[in-house]
Protein backbone atom coordinates (compact mmCIF):
# COMPACT_ATOMS: atom_id res chain seq x y z
CA UNK A 1 135.96 126.22 133.76
CA UNK A 2 132.75 127.63 135.21
CA UNK A 3 131.59 130.62 133.19
CA UNK A 4 128.85 133.04 134.18
CA UNK A 5 127.50 134.76 131.07
CA UNK A 6 125.59 137.96 131.80
CA UNK A 7 123.62 140.31 129.60
CA UNK A 8 123.19 143.79 131.16
CA UNK A 9 119.91 145.54 131.83
CA UNK A 10 118.41 148.00 129.37
CA UNK A 11 117.24 151.36 130.72
CA UNK A 12 113.71 152.46 129.97
CA UNK A 13 113.79 153.44 126.31
CA UNK A 14 111.78 153.56 123.11
CA UNK A 15 112.44 149.86 122.48
CA UNK A 16 112.05 148.57 126.04
CA UNK A 17 108.23 148.39 125.79
CA UNK A 18 108.04 148.35 129.60
CA UNK A 19 104.27 148.77 129.98
CA UNK A 20 103.57 146.43 127.09
CA UNK A 21 105.72 143.72 128.71
CA UNK A 22 103.90 144.15 132.02
CA UNK A 23 100.50 143.97 130.33
CA UNK A 24 101.49 140.83 128.42
CA UNK A 25 103.08 139.18 131.47
CA UNK A 26 106.50 139.06 129.78
CA UNK A 27 109.97 140.33 130.71
CA UNK A 28 111.71 141.36 127.47
CA UNK A 29 111.06 141.85 123.78
CA UNK A 30 114.01 139.91 122.34
CA UNK A 31 116.70 137.52 123.58
CA UNK A 32 120.38 138.53 123.28
CA UNK A 33 121.46 136.56 120.23
CA UNK A 34 125.13 137.58 120.36
CA UNK A 35 126.03 136.21 123.77
CA UNK A 36 124.19 132.91 123.26
CA UNK A 37 126.20 132.55 120.04
CA UNK A 38 129.36 133.17 122.06
CA UNK A 39 128.17 130.45 124.44
CA UNK A 40 128.17 128.06 121.49
CA UNK A 41 131.81 128.98 120.75
CA UNK A 42 133.01 128.05 124.24
CA UNK A 43 134.54 124.61 124.95
CA UNK A 44 132.02 121.83 125.43
CA UNK A 45 133.59 120.83 128.75
CA UNK A 46 132.94 124.26 130.27
CA UNK A 47 130.05 124.64 132.68
CA UNK A 48 127.88 127.58 131.66
CA UNK A 49 125.25 129.60 133.45
CA UNK A 50 123.55 132.34 131.45
CA UNK A 51 121.45 135.18 132.84
CA UNK A 52 119.76 137.88 130.80
CA UNK A 53 119.40 140.45 133.57
CA UNK A 54 116.32 141.84 131.84
CA UNK A 55 114.64 138.47 132.44
CA UNK A 56 116.35 136.51 135.20
CA UNK A 57 118.99 138.33 137.25
CA UNK A 58 121.88 136.27 138.51
CA UNK A 59 122.16 135.39 142.21
CA UNK A 60 124.99 135.78 144.66
CA UNK A 61 125.35 132.00 144.45
CA UNK A 62 126.04 132.37 140.72
CA UNK A 63 128.82 134.86 141.45
CA UNK A 64 130.35 132.55 144.06
CA UNK A 65 130.13 129.55 141.70
CA UNK A 66 131.87 130.98 138.63
CA UNK A 67 135.53 131.06 137.64
CA UNK A 68 135.07 133.78 135.02
CA UNK A 69 132.42 136.34 134.07
CA UNK A 70 131.64 137.02 130.39
CA UNK A 71 129.63 140.08 129.32
CA UNK A 72 128.29 141.43 126.05
CA UNK A 73 126.67 144.84 125.64
CA UNK A 74 125.36 147.56 123.38
CA UNK A 75 126.05 151.23 124.02
CA UNK A 76 122.69 151.91 125.66
CA UNK A 77 123.49 149.26 128.30
CA UNK A 78 126.59 151.13 129.46
CA UNK A 79 125.57 151.82 133.10
CA UNK A 80 124.74 148.21 134.02
CA UNK A 81 127.61 146.87 131.91
CA UNK A 82 130.17 148.94 133.79
CA UNK A 83 128.58 148.11 137.13
CA UNK A 84 128.89 144.38 136.41
CA UNK A 85 132.58 144.71 135.53
CA UNK A 86 133.20 146.57 138.77
CA UNK A 87 131.33 143.96 140.82
CA UNK A 88 133.33 141.14 139.20
CA UNK A 89 136.56 142.89 140.12
CA UNK A 90 135.42 143.44 143.72
CA UNK A 91 134.73 139.71 143.97
CA UNK A 92 138.09 138.81 142.45
CA UNK A 93 136.58 137.29 139.31
CA UNK A 94 138.30 137.72 135.93
CA UNK A 95 135.98 139.34 133.42
CA UNK A 96 135.90 139.11 129.63
CA UNK A 97 133.78 141.51 127.55
CA UNK A 98 132.67 141.80 123.96
CA UNK A 99 129.84 143.02 121.77
CA UNK A 100 129.18 146.24 119.84
CA UNK A 101 129.82 148.65 122.72
CA UNK A 102 133.27 147.37 123.83
CA UNK A 103 134.24 146.89 120.17
CA UNK A 104 133.46 150.54 119.40
CA UNK A 105 134.77 152.07 122.65
CA UNK A 106 137.20 149.56 124.20
CA UNK A 107 138.76 152.14 126.53
CA UNK A 108 135.53 152.38 128.51
CA UNK A 109 135.71 148.70 129.47
CA UNK A 110 139.42 148.92 130.28
CA UNK A 111 138.93 151.94 132.52
CA UNK A 112 136.47 150.08 134.76
CA UNK A 113 138.66 146.99 135.02
CA UNK A 114 137.85 144.46 132.26
CA UNK A 115 140.61 141.85 131.99
CA UNK A 116 139.92 140.46 128.51
CA UNK A 117 138.51 142.41 125.59
CA UNK A 118 137.18 139.93 123.04
CA UNK A 119 136.24 142.36 120.30
CA UNK A 120 134.94 142.37 116.72
CA UNK A 121 133.20 139.16 115.63
CA UNK A 122 133.41 136.27 118.08
CA UNK A 123 134.02 133.54 115.52
CA UNK A 124 137.44 135.15 114.94
CA UNK A 125 138.37 136.35 118.43
CA UNK A 126 136.85 133.89 120.92
CA UNK A 127 139.37 131.19 119.83
CA UNK A 128 142.22 133.69 120.42
CA UNK A 129 140.83 134.42 123.89
CA UNK A 130 140.58 130.69 124.70
CA UNK A 131 144.16 130.10 123.56
CA UNK A 132 145.33 132.90 125.87
CA UNK A 133 143.50 131.29 128.80
CA UNK A 134 145.17 127.97 128.00
CA UNK A 135 148.54 129.71 128.18
CA UNK A 136 147.67 131.06 131.61
CA UNK A 137 147.39 134.69 130.54
CA UNK A 138 145.33 136.92 132.83
CA UNK A 139 144.55 139.79 130.47
CA UNK A 140 144.56 140.68 126.81
CA UNK A 141 142.80 142.35 123.91
CA UNK A 142 141.80 140.22 120.94
CA UNK A 143 140.87 141.80 117.61
CA UNK A 144 140.55 140.74 113.99
CA UNK A 145 140.33 142.83 110.84
CA UNK A 146 139.15 139.72 109.01
CA UNK A 147 135.44 138.95 108.82
CA UNK A 148 134.32 135.38 109.51
CA UNK A 149 132.52 133.18 107.03
CA UNK A 150 129.17 132.99 108.82
CA UNK A 151 128.33 129.71 107.10
CA UNK A 152 130.60 128.26 109.80
CA UNK A 153 128.98 130.12 112.69
CA UNK A 154 127.65 127.81 115.38
CA UNK A 155 123.97 127.54 116.20
CA UNK A 156 123.08 129.89 119.08
CA UNK A 157 122.40 128.22 122.43
CA UNK A 158 118.64 128.77 122.38
CA UNK A 159 118.36 126.15 125.11
CA UNK A 160 119.89 128.62 127.60
CA UNK A 161 116.98 131.06 127.22
CA UNK A 162 113.89 131.35 129.38
CA UNK A 163 111.93 131.45 126.15
CA UNK A 164 108.51 131.93 127.75
CA UNK A 165 109.63 135.33 129.08
CA UNK A 166 110.27 136.90 125.65
CA UNK A 167 107.78 138.45 123.26
CA UNK A 168 109.74 137.21 120.23
CA UNK A 169 112.60 134.90 119.41
CA UNK A 170 115.51 136.01 117.21
CA UNK A 171 117.82 134.66 114.56
CA UNK A 172 120.43 136.16 112.26
CA UNK A 173 120.80 135.40 108.57
CA UNK A 174 123.35 138.00 107.48
CA UNK A 175 125.87 140.56 108.70
CA UNK A 176 126.93 143.75 106.97
CA UNK A 177 125.24 146.28 104.70
CA UNK A 178 126.15 147.40 101.15
CA UNK A 179 125.25 151.04 101.75
CA UNK A 180 127.39 153.84 103.14
CA UNK A 181 125.17 155.98 105.38
CA UNK A 182 127.42 158.47 107.15
CA UNK A 183 125.91 158.09 110.62
CA UNK A 184 125.65 154.27 110.71
CA UNK A 185 128.13 152.08 112.60
CA UNK A 186 127.06 148.79 110.97
CA UNK A 187 129.59 149.09 108.17
CA UNK A 188 132.40 149.85 110.64
CA UNK A 189 131.42 146.85 112.79
CA UNK A 190 130.48 144.30 110.11
CA UNK A 191 131.59 145.68 106.76
CA UNK A 192 129.90 146.62 103.49
CA UNK A 193 129.90 143.13 102.01
CA UNK A 194 126.87 141.30 103.43
CA UNK A 195 127.77 137.78 104.50
CA UNK A 196 124.96 135.29 104.79
CA UNK A 197 124.39 131.92 106.35
CA UNK A 198 123.49 128.99 104.12
CA UNK A 199 119.74 128.31 103.75
CA UNK A 200 120.05 124.87 105.37
CA UNK A 201 121.93 126.44 108.28
CA UNK A 202 119.19 129.03 108.90
CA UNK A 203 116.50 126.36 108.61
CA UNK A 204 118.35 124.24 111.16
CA UNK A 205 118.11 127.14 113.63
CA UNK A 206 114.39 127.46 112.96
CA UNK A 207 114.00 123.72 113.44
CA UNK A 208 115.83 123.95 116.77
CA UNK A 209 113.44 126.65 117.97
CA UNK A 210 110.50 124.60 116.73
CA UNK A 211 111.77 121.50 118.56
CA UNK A 212 112.20 123.56 121.75
CA UNK A 213 108.50 124.40 121.52
CA UNK A 214 108.59 127.99 120.32
CA UNK A 215 105.51 129.14 118.41
CA UNK A 216 105.01 132.79 117.61
CA UNK A 217 106.82 135.78 116.16
CA UNK A 218 110.50 135.76 115.29
CA UNK A 219 112.75 138.73 114.52
CA UNK A 220 115.43 138.20 111.87
CA UNK A 221 117.83 140.72 113.36
CA UNK A 222 119.93 141.48 110.27
CA UNK A 223 120.68 145.19 109.98
CA UNK A 224 119.66 144.94 106.34
CA UNK A 225 117.96 141.64 105.54
CA UNK A 226 118.02 142.34 101.79
CA UNK A 227 121.66 143.45 101.66
CA UNK A 228 122.58 140.32 99.68
CA UNK A 229 119.46 139.96 97.55
CA UNK A 230 120.57 136.83 95.71
CA UNK A 231 121.28 134.85 98.88
CA UNK A 232 118.21 135.99 100.77
CA UNK A 233 116.01 134.88 97.88
CA UNK A 234 117.66 131.46 97.95
CA UNK A 235 116.85 131.27 101.66
CA UNK A 236 113.26 132.42 101.22
CA UNK A 237 112.63 129.85 98.48
CA UNK A 238 113.60 127.12 100.95
CA UNK A 239 111.88 128.76 103.91
CA UNK A 240 108.46 128.78 102.21
CA UNK A 241 108.09 124.98 101.90
CA UNK A 242 109.54 124.54 105.41
CA UNK A 243 106.87 126.86 106.78
CA UNK A 244 104.16 125.04 104.85
CA UNK A 245 105.36 121.63 106.08
CA UNK A 246 105.37 122.88 109.70
CA UNK A 247 101.95 124.55 109.43
CA UNK A 248 103.32 128.11 109.72
CA UNK A 249 104.61 127.99 113.33
CA UNK A 250 106.28 131.42 113.09
CA UNK A 251 105.67 134.85 111.63
CA UNK A 252 108.67 137.03 110.87
CA UNK A 253 109.74 140.64 111.01
CA UNK A 254 113.07 142.11 110.03
CA UNK A 255 114.96 145.29 109.14
CA UNK A 256 115.54 146.31 105.53
CA UNK A 257 116.47 149.26 103.36
CA UNK A 258 113.69 151.14 101.59
CA UNK A 259 114.76 149.79 98.21
CA UNK A 260 112.90 146.63 99.24
CA UNK A 261 109.92 148.30 97.53
CA UNK A 262 111.76 148.14 94.19
CA UNK A 263 111.93 144.33 94.20
CA UNK A 264 108.56 142.73 93.47
CA UNK A 265 109.95 139.21 93.67
CA UNK A 266 111.47 139.85 97.11
CA UNK A 267 108.20 141.25 98.41
CA UNK A 268 106.28 138.23 97.14
CA UNK A 269 108.77 135.77 98.63
CA UNK A 270 108.70 137.52 102.00
CA UNK A 271 104.93 137.52 101.97
CA UNK A 272 104.74 133.83 101.12
CA UNK A 273 107.30 133.00 103.82
CA UNK A 274 105.23 134.66 106.55
CA UNK A 275 106.82 138.09 107.07
CA UNK A 276 104.33 140.38 108.79
CA UNK A 277 106.46 143.49 109.43
CA UNK A 278 109.60 145.32 108.41
CA UNK A 279 111.56 148.15 110.04
CA UNK A 280 112.73 150.78 107.54
CA UNK A 281 115.39 153.42 108.09
CA UNK A 282 113.52 156.29 106.44
CA UNK A 283 115.31 158.97 108.54
CA UNK A 284 113.70 162.02 106.88
CA UNK A 285 111.58 162.97 103.89
CA UNK A 286 114.01 165.88 103.18
CA UNK A 287 115.96 164.91 100.08
CA UNK A 288 118.83 167.31 100.79
CA UNK A 289 119.38 165.80 104.25
CA UNK A 290 119.33 162.29 102.77
CA UNK A 291 122.00 163.33 100.27
CA UNK A 292 124.10 164.95 103.01
CA UNK A 293 124.12 161.77 105.09
CA UNK A 294 124.73 159.54 102.01
CA UNK A 295 121.39 157.76 102.33
CA UNK A 296 121.17 157.55 98.55
CA UNK A 297 118.97 154.45 98.52
CA UNK A 298 116.16 156.60 99.95
CA UNK A 299 116.35 159.15 97.13
CA UNK A 300 115.73 156.92 94.13
CA UNK A 301 111.95 156.59 94.45
CA UNK A 302 109.21 158.47 96.33
CA UNK A 303 109.18 157.29 99.93
CA UNK A 304 105.41 157.48 100.35
CA UNK A 305 104.93 155.21 97.33
CA UNK A 306 107.55 152.78 98.71
CA UNK A 307 105.64 152.50 101.99
CA UNK A 308 102.35 151.93 100.17
CA UNK A 309 103.91 149.15 98.11
CA UNK A 310 105.28 147.38 101.20
CA UNK A 311 101.84 147.63 102.86
CA UNK A 312 100.32 146.20 99.68
CA UNK A 313 102.69 143.25 99.99
CA UNK A 314 101.10 142.44 103.35
CA UNK A 315 103.59 143.97 105.77
CA UNK A 316 103.27 146.39 108.66
CA UNK A 317 105.87 149.18 108.61
CA UNK A 318 107.97 150.28 111.55
CA UNK A 319 110.39 153.10 110.76
CA UNK A 320 113.18 155.27 112.13
CA UNK A 321 113.39 159.06 111.74
CA UNK A 322 116.21 161.42 112.74
CA UNK A 323 116.48 165.13 113.48
CA UNK A 324 119.75 167.07 113.52
CA UNK A 325 121.43 166.42 110.17
CA UNK A 326 123.89 169.03 108.92
CA UNK A 327 122.18 171.66 106.79
CA UNK A 328 118.74 170.60 108.02
CA UNK A 329 116.11 173.26 107.36
CA UNK A 330 113.78 174.58 110.04
CA UNK A 331 110.53 172.66 110.28
CA UNK A 332 112.11 169.23 109.67
CA UNK A 333 110.09 167.84 112.57
CA UNK A 334 106.84 169.07 111.03
CA UNK A 335 107.72 167.49 107.70
CA UNK A 336 108.48 164.18 109.43
CA UNK A 337 105.13 164.36 111.21
CA UNK A 338 103.34 165.02 107.93
CA UNK A 339 105.07 162.04 106.30
CA UNK A 340 104.13 159.76 109.19
CA UNK A 341 100.51 160.88 109.03
CA UNK A 342 100.40 160.29 105.26
CA UNK A 343 101.83 156.78 105.59
CA UNK A 344 100.07 155.92 108.89
CA UNK A 345 103.24 154.41 110.35
CA UNK A 346 102.04 153.62 113.90
CA UNK A 347 105.33 153.41 115.81
CA UNK A 348 107.83 155.88 114.30
CA UNK A 349 111.13 155.89 116.18
CA UNK A 350 111.94 159.60 116.23
CA UNK A 351 115.39 160.39 117.56
CA UNK A 352 118.09 163.04 117.69
CA UNK A 353 121.22 162.37 115.66
CA UNK A 354 124.14 160.90 117.60
CA UNK A 355 127.64 160.61 116.19
CA UNK A 356 128.65 157.02 116.94
CA UNK A 357 132.34 156.09 117.34
CA UNK A 358 134.20 155.05 114.19
CA UNK A 359 131.45 156.11 111.80
CA UNK A 360 132.18 158.45 108.88
CA UNK A 361 130.11 161.10 110.69
CA UNK A 362 132.20 160.71 113.85
CA UNK A 363 135.46 161.04 111.94
CA UNK A 364 134.27 164.11 110.03
CA UNK A 365 132.99 165.88 113.13
CA UNK A 366 136.15 165.01 115.02
CA UNK A 367 138.24 166.55 112.24
CA UNK A 368 136.02 169.64 112.31
CA UNK A 369 136.36 169.81 116.14
CA UNK A 370 132.59 169.63 116.53
CA UNK A 371 132.35 166.68 118.93
CA UNK A 372 131.30 167.76 122.41
CA UNK A 373 134.21 167.87 124.87
CA UNK A 374 136.42 166.67 122.04
CA UNK A 375 135.13 163.09 122.24
CA UNK A 376 131.34 163.14 122.02
CA UNK A 377 130.45 160.41 124.54
CA UNK A 378 127.35 159.05 122.79
CA UNK A 379 124.74 157.25 124.88
CA UNK A 380 122.86 155.19 122.33
CA UNK A 381 119.58 156.66 123.63
CA UNK A 382 117.22 158.22 121.08
CA UNK A 383 116.15 161.02 123.42
CA UNK A 384 119.57 162.40 124.24
CA UNK A 385 120.78 165.71 122.85
CA UNK A 386 123.29 165.53 120.01
CA UNK A 387 126.86 164.88 121.09
CA UNK A 388 128.18 167.37 118.54
CA UNK A 389 127.68 171.00 117.51
CA UNK A 390 124.81 171.09 114.98
CA UNK A 391 124.33 173.56 112.16
CA UNK A 392 121.14 175.04 113.60
CA UNK A 393 120.16 175.86 117.19
CA UNK A 394 119.94 172.85 119.46
CA UNK A 395 116.91 174.40 121.14
CA UNK A 396 115.05 174.43 117.81
CA UNK A 397 115.94 170.83 117.02
CA UNK A 398 115.02 169.69 120.53
CA UNK A 399 111.71 171.59 120.41
CA UNK A 400 110.79 169.94 117.10
CA UNK A 401 111.70 166.56 118.56
CA UNK A 402 109.67 166.99 121.75
CA UNK A 403 106.66 168.45 119.95
CA UNK A 404 106.82 165.77 117.26
CA UNK A 405 107.14 162.87 119.68
CA UNK A 406 104.41 164.27 121.95
CA UNK A 407 101.98 164.74 119.07
CA UNK A 408 102.71 161.48 117.28
CA UNK A 409 102.13 159.49 120.46
CA UNK A 410 99.08 161.38 121.65
CA UNK A 411 96.80 158.41 122.41
CA UNK A 412 94.01 159.14 119.95
CA UNK A 413 96.50 159.91 117.15
CA UNK A 414 98.42 156.72 117.86
CA UNK A 415 95.32 154.51 117.90
CA UNK A 416 94.03 156.07 114.68
CA UNK A 417 97.32 155.45 112.84
CA UNK A 418 97.43 151.88 114.16
CA UNK A 419 94.04 151.13 112.63
CA UNK A 420 94.80 152.98 109.39
CA UNK A 421 98.06 151.06 108.96
CA UNK A 422 96.34 147.72 109.49
CA UNK A 423 93.62 148.64 106.99
CA UNK A 424 96.30 149.46 104.40
CA UNK A 425 97.90 146.03 104.72
CA UNK A 426 96.74 143.81 101.89
CA UNK A 427 95.57 140.32 102.65
CA UNK A 428 94.97 137.51 100.18
CA UNK A 429 91.91 135.25 100.34
CA UNK A 430 91.22 136.36 103.87
CA UNK A 431 94.68 135.34 105.11
CA UNK A 432 97.33 137.71 106.32
CA UNK A 433 100.58 137.39 108.23
CA UNK A 434 100.29 138.80 111.71
CA UNK A 435 102.20 138.98 114.96
CA UNK A 436 101.56 135.92 117.09
CA UNK A 437 101.27 135.53 120.85
CA UNK A 438 101.45 132.36 122.93
CA UNK A 439 97.88 131.49 124.00
CA UNK A 440 98.23 132.46 127.67
CA UNK A 441 99.89 135.82 126.96
CA UNK A 442 97.51 136.51 124.07
CA UNK A 443 94.37 136.14 126.17
CA UNK A 444 95.88 138.23 128.95
CA UNK A 445 96.93 140.90 126.46
CA UNK A 446 93.44 141.20 124.96
CA UNK A 447 91.85 141.42 128.41
CA UNK A 448 94.30 144.10 129.52
CA UNK A 449 93.82 146.19 126.37
CA UNK A 450 90.04 146.06 126.74
CA UNK A 451 90.33 147.09 130.39
CA UNK A 452 92.80 149.95 129.88
CA UNK A 453 91.47 151.41 126.62
CA UNK A 454 87.92 150.14 126.31
CA UNK A 455 86.85 150.69 129.93
CA UNK A 456 89.31 152.55 132.17
CA UNK A 457 90.16 155.53 129.92
CA UNK A 458 86.98 157.55 129.21
CA UNK A 459 88.82 159.73 126.67
CA UNK A 460 89.63 156.65 124.54
CA UNK A 461 86.62 154.45 125.22
CA UNK A 462 84.47 155.47 122.26
CA UNK A 463 87.36 155.48 119.78
CA UNK A 464 88.60 152.09 121.00
CA UNK A 465 85.28 150.30 120.52
CA UNK A 466 84.56 152.04 117.22
CA UNK A 467 87.94 151.06 115.79
CA UNK A 468 87.73 147.54 117.18
CA UNK A 469 84.41 147.07 115.38
CA UNK A 470 85.92 148.46 112.16
CA UNK A 471 88.82 146.00 112.38
CA UNK A 472 86.52 143.08 113.15
CA UNK A 473 84.39 143.94 110.14
CA UNK A 474 87.10 144.80 107.60
CA UNK A 475 90.32 143.01 108.62
CA UNK A 476 89.54 140.37 111.25
CA UNK A 477 92.60 138.34 110.22
CA UNK A 478 94.81 141.22 111.41
CA UNK A 479 93.15 141.57 114.81
CA UNK A 480 96.21 140.20 116.62
CA UNK A 481 98.39 142.80 114.96
CA UNK A 482 96.00 145.60 115.74
CA UNK A 483 95.54 144.67 119.40
CA UNK A 484 99.30 144.27 119.77
CA UNK A 485 99.75 147.82 118.49
CA UNK A 486 97.05 149.04 120.88
CA UNK A 487 98.82 147.39 123.81
CA UNK A 488 102.17 148.91 122.80
CA UNK A 489 100.53 152.32 122.99
CA UNK A 490 100.46 152.00 126.78
CA UNK A 491 104.26 152.03 126.74
CA UNK A 492 104.60 154.98 124.38
CA UNK A 493 102.04 157.13 126.18
CA UNK A 494 104.11 156.78 129.32
CA UNK A 495 107.44 157.06 127.54
CA UNK A 496 106.65 160.32 125.72
CA UNK A 497 106.45 162.11 129.08
CA UNK A 498 109.83 160.67 130.06
CA UNK A 499 111.33 161.70 126.72
CA UNK A 500 110.10 165.27 127.13
CA UNK A 501 111.43 165.45 130.68
CA UNK A 502 114.87 164.14 129.70
CA UNK A 503 115.31 166.57 126.82
CA UNK A 504 114.10 169.52 128.88
CA UNK A 505 116.56 168.73 131.66
CA UNK A 506 119.44 168.37 129.21
CA UNK A 507 118.65 171.67 127.51
CA UNK A 508 118.71 173.44 130.87
CA UNK A 509 121.98 171.80 131.87
CA UNK A 510 123.91 171.90 128.58
CA UNK A 511 123.17 174.92 126.38
CA UNK A 512 124.99 174.47 123.06
CA UNK A 513 125.60 177.19 120.49
CA UNK A 514 124.88 176.18 116.89
CA UNK A 515 127.67 176.13 114.34
CA UNK A 516 126.65 179.54 113.01
CA UNK A 517 127.52 181.07 116.38
CA UNK A 518 130.85 179.29 116.77
CA UNK A 519 134.23 180.87 116.00
CA UNK A 520 134.79 181.83 112.34
CA UNK A 521 137.62 179.32 111.84
CA UNK A 522 135.27 176.48 112.83
CA UNK A 523 132.59 177.71 110.43
CA UNK A 524 135.12 177.86 107.61
CA UNK A 525 135.84 174.14 108.02
CA UNK A 526 132.28 173.57 106.82
């Protein structure tokens, strides 16, 4: 069997870092870990060609060569995903799909012609799909309510990647999250019991990347790295000597819940293992909104203090913030801005709440008949209007979003926060974890940043050189991190205009009355 594995294109978005990638001479931030894990589940006698369309689009010769097309996608990749299914059908190629998007909304893939839906987690359903092919079946949907033991998951096929075209590599240690946030689809996809790989298994994946020649930053893509605190500490205790023995070839970032700040031992282990950054789901500083959305882990300790403690442990903070929660008070956007300024988080991901399929929020809003058009049709894009009827005027929420995003990513504000965040990060004996770049891309990146911000932009020139001198004098070991943040600013300064334009167009096209102006019977359901 000749299988063509395709990963659809991402649209321009907050996370696409388009300008940053161009400046660095790269194509994409991260490789698609899911589909290269699926590749490892396929029979060894299959011939496989893999194309991440964000890096190396497939050719017409690839389409002619293959016997079957296999796709994986997230919700935000919907347009290209559906286009690829339709092209496969025009060419008479059977197509199998999987990943978070088809798993959550399988009818979308069926409607555009997918033959096989290989849903949920591939370790359970890929074998069912292969058995159906052996029986000569030409279509089918394969699901499993059981969750696989990830200690038996195969090593991803890192060898299929054009590794020199990515900013970072990726690995997964765990799946699932113990918390119950109403808006999050992780628990519906992967469950509330975090399942982890064995330490030796994770180290084998790192060794494989090392042997393939990768040196640089690596994203541990767990949705909550510290979900199973016991097991992650076991892993970190083995990772530290491995890193020492290999002369620290990688630096790591990951995603974690804010209660990371409550665990001194975890912070120390992550620091010693080479973690330079963590993404936190802060969502909002408003305690009543956190309670409404069941984000109880964010209410136990002051959030500003938690951020300061994580900085003190040597880690840069990325964070997500959301507008549009039920019962949200006016001025939520201003309060988010004030929090971001106080904590100096350089790249806050500010978005409008979307009700994702199969989440507790989706089910509640569906019951209350508050999903738009009865179904909601989420896009997965952070700058899309809510797909449900909110409890305050959409125009007010959208205005706070646009004003907040525009102000936060005003170039001088962004550069100032980037420096302030780096200065807050504690280093020990002159050494600090930092993002790493391959030598060629690193030199190019520095040259481009100096050109764009130190020479070409007169409005930034003085600030750029002043801050660069401050960093060189006070935190030279974090210069890579700082210049990387500066370079990323080029993306966000362009993207903020696109975000404002998109929201403005949607407001003009789709005026939505808030819940208070809806029929009385709908209000009474609240």
